[in-house]
Amino acid sequence: MEMAHRERFRRDPRFKRVFEVLTPGRQRGYLYHFAAAKRSATRPARIKEAMPAIFEGRGSRRGVMKRASRRSHPRGASDRRRAAPASNR
């Protein structure tokens, strides 16, 4: 079975060059994110979603993966932790 990112590299050499310029840690983060998809149809979708961030040289934690983690938390949960009570200011 060929990995989805290898298929994308073969079809888009520019994407491969840009991906290879990323630091090893950023490459590893993206590859982990792509491979963590349970359904094979999800892997190419994750790659497509991550492409703008990869072309900008950003890591996987900023942008793509961070947005996904926000959706899984109840709305407002992080806002309550950040906001200090008015009386403590």
C-alpha atoms as a PDB file:
ATOM      1  CA  MET A   1       0.000   0.000   0.000  1.00  0.00           C
ATOM      2  CA  GLU A   2       1.429   3.341  -1.022  1.00  0.00           C
ATOM      3  CA  MET A   3       1.166   6.197   1.443  1.00  0.00           C
ATOM      4  CA  ALA A   4      -1.029   9.137   0.463  1.00  0.00           C
ATOM      5  CA  HIS A   5       1.785  11.653   0.849  1.00  0.00           C
ATOM      6  CA  ARG A   6       4.027   9.676  -1.525  1.00  0.00           C
ATOM      7  CA  GLU A   7       1.255   9.690  -4.110  1.00  0.00           C
ATOM      8  CA  ARG A   8       0.932  13.466  -3.702  1.00  0.00           C
ATOM      9  CA  PHE A   9       4.727  13.856  -4.015  1.00  0.00           C
ATOM     10  CA  ARG A  10       4.703  11.876  -7.246  1.00  0.00           C
ATOM     11  CA  ARG A  11       1.887  13.975  -8.712  1.00  0.00           C
ATOM     12  CA  ASP A  12       3.180  17.343  -7.451  1.00  0.00           C
ATOM     13  CA  PRO A  13       6.998  17.688  -7.438  1.00  0.00           C
ATOM     14  CA  ARG A  14       6.731  21.291  -6.191  1.00  0.00           C
ATOM     15  CA  PHE A  15       4.896  20.084  -3.085  1.00  0.00           C
ATOM     16  CA  LYS A  16       7.617  17.476  -2.504  1.00  0.00           C
ATOM     17  CA  ARG A  17      10.380  20.103  -2.708  1.00  0.00           C
ATOM     18  CA  VAL A  18       8.589  22.430  -0.295  1.00  0.00           C
ATOM     19  CA  PHE A  19       7.871  19.577   2.128  1.00  0.00           C
ATOM     20  CA  GLU A  20      11.524  18.517   2.104  1.00  0.00           C
ATOM     21  CA  VAL A  21      12.588  22.064   3.039  1.00  0.00           C
ATOM     22  CA  LEU A  22      10.588  21.837   6.290  1.00  0.00           C
ATOM     23  CA  THR A  23      12.532  20.937   9.407  1.00  0.00           C
ATOM     24  CA  PRO A  24      12.616  17.226  10.276  1.00  0.00           C
ATOM     25  CA  GLY A  25      10.325  17.855  13.246  1.00  0.00           C
ATOM     26  CA  ARG A  26       7.740  19.612  11.113  1.00  0.00           C
ATOM     27  CA  GLN A  27       7.889  16.866   8.503  1.00  0.00           C
ATOM     28  CA  ARG A  28       7.399  14.264  11.227  1.00  0.00           C
ATOM     29  CA  GLY A  29       4.455  16.186  12.685  1.00  0.00           C
ATOM     30  CA  TYR A  30       2.692  16.372   9.338  1.00  0.00           C
ATOM     31  CA  LEU A  31       3.397  12.717   8.512  1.00  0.00           C
ATOM     32  CA  TYR A  32       2.022  11.682  11.887  1.00  0.00           C
ATOM     33  CA  HIS A  33      -1.085  13.813  11.324  1.00  0.00           C
ATOM     34  CA  PHE A  34      -1.627  12.284   7.874  1.00  0.00           C
ATOM     35  CA  ALA A  35      -1.074   8.698   9.054  1.00  0.00           C
ATOM     36  CA  ALA A  36      -3.294   9.076  12.136  1.00  0.00           C
ATOM     37  CA  ALA A  37      -6.425   9.177   9.979  1.00  0.00           C
ATOM     38  CA  LYS A  38      -8.437   6.006  10.488  1.00  0.00           C
ATOM     39  CA  ARG A  39     -10.044   6.010   7.055  1.00  0.00           C
ATOM     40  CA  SER A  40      -7.884   5.889   3.948  1.00  0.00           C
ATOM     41  CA  ALA A  41     -10.119   8.499   2.293  1.00  0.00           C
ATOM     42  CA  THR A  42      -9.296  10.968   5.056  1.00  0.00           C
ATOM     43  CA  ARG A  43      -5.530  10.944   4.434  1.00  0.00           C
ATOM     44  CA  PRO A  44      -5.604  12.769   1.059  1.00  0.00           C
ATOM     45  CA  ALA A  45      -8.117  15.244   2.513  1.00  0.00           C
ATOM     46  CA  ARG A  46      -5.745  16.008   5.393  1.00  0.00           C
ATOM     47  CA  ILE A  47      -2.885  16.543   2.971  1.00  0.00           C
ATOM     48  CA  LYS A  48      -4.970  18.881   0.851  1.00  0.00           C
ATOM     49  CA  GLU A  49      -6.049  20.828   3.948  1.00  0.00           C
ATOM     50  CA  ALA A  50      -2.446  21.113   5.179  1.00  0.00           C
ATOM     51  CA  MET A  51      -0.940  22.211   1.855  1.00  0.00           C
ATOM     52  CA  PRO A  52      -1.330  25.992   2.371  1.00  0.00           C
ATOM     53  CA  ALA A  53       0.416  25.778   5.760  1.00  0.00           C
ATOM     54  CA  ILE A  54       3.179  23.600   4.296  1.00  0.00           C
ATOM     55  CA  PHE A  55       3.762  26.065   1.460  1.00  0.00           C
ATOM     56  CA  GLU A  56       4.040  28.835   4.072  1.00  0.00           C
ATOM     57  CA  GLY A  57       6.566  26.765   6.043  1.00  0.00           C
ATOM     58  CA  ARG A  58       4.403  26.531   9.152  1.00  0.00           C
ATOM     59  CA  GLY A  59       4.419  23.560  11.479  1.00  0.00           C
ATOM     60  CA  SER A  60       1.489  21.204  11.834  1.00  0.00           C
ATOM     61  CA  ARG A  61       0.502  22.526  15.279  1.00  0.00           C
ATOM     62  CA  ARG A  62      -0.242  26.004  13.925  1.00  0.00           C
ATOM     63  CA  GLY A  63      -3.215  26.256  11.647  1.00  0.00           C
ATOM     64  CA  VAL A  64      -4.410  22.865  10.478  1.00  0.00           C
ATOM     65  CA  MET A  65      -4.172  20.713  13.589  1.00  0.00           C
ATOM     66  CA  LYS A  66      -4.866  23.530  16.018  1.00  0.00           C
ATOM     67  CA  ARG A  67      -8.160  24.351  14.302  1.00  0.00           C
ATOM     68  CA  ALA A  68      -9.195  20.702  14.434  1.00  0.00           C
ATOM     69  CA  SER A  69      -8.548  20.484  18.180  1.00  0.00           C
ATOM     70  CA  ARG A  70     -10.703  23.539  18.852  1.00  0.00           C
ATOM     71  CA  ARG A  71     -13.708  21.856  17.263  1.00  0.00           C
ATOM     72  CA  SER A  72     -13.508  18.947  19.695  1.00  0.00           C
ATOM     73  CA  HIS A  73     -13.804  21.134  22.830  1.00  0.00           C
ATOM     74  CA  PRO A  74     -17.050  22.618  24.069  1.00  0.00           C
ATOM     75  CA  ARG A  75     -17.455  26.213  23.070  1.00  0.00           C
ATOM     76  CA  GLY A  76     -16.232  28.579  25.704  1.00  0.00           C
ATOM     77  CA  ALA A  77     -14.222  26.069  27.733  1.00  0.00           C
ATOM     78  CA  SER A  78     -10.911  27.654  26.786  1.00  0.00           C
ATOM     79  CA  ASP A  79     -12.335  31.171  27.156  1.00  0.00           C
ATOM     80  CA  ARG A  80     -13.209  30.570  30.812  1.00  0.00           C
ATOM     81  CA  ARG A  81      -9.658  29.486  31.605  1.00  0.00           C
ATOM     82  CA  ARG A  82      -8.085  32.526  29.934  1.00  0.00           C
ATOM     83  CA  ALA A  83     -10.379  35.220  31.318  1.00  0.00           C
ATOM     84  CA  ALA A  84      -9.414  36.467  34.766  1.00  0.00           C
ATOM     85  CA  PRO A  85     -12.240  37.601  37.024  1.00  0.00           C
ATOM     86  CA  ALA A  86     -12.732  41.377  36.957  1.00  0.00           C
ATOM     87  CA  SER A  87     -12.143  41.629  40.704  1.00  0.00           C
ATOM     88  CA  ASN A  88      -8.593  40.206  40.396  1.00  0.00           C
ATOM     89  CA  ARG A  89      -7.417  42.810  37.901  1.00  0.00           C
END
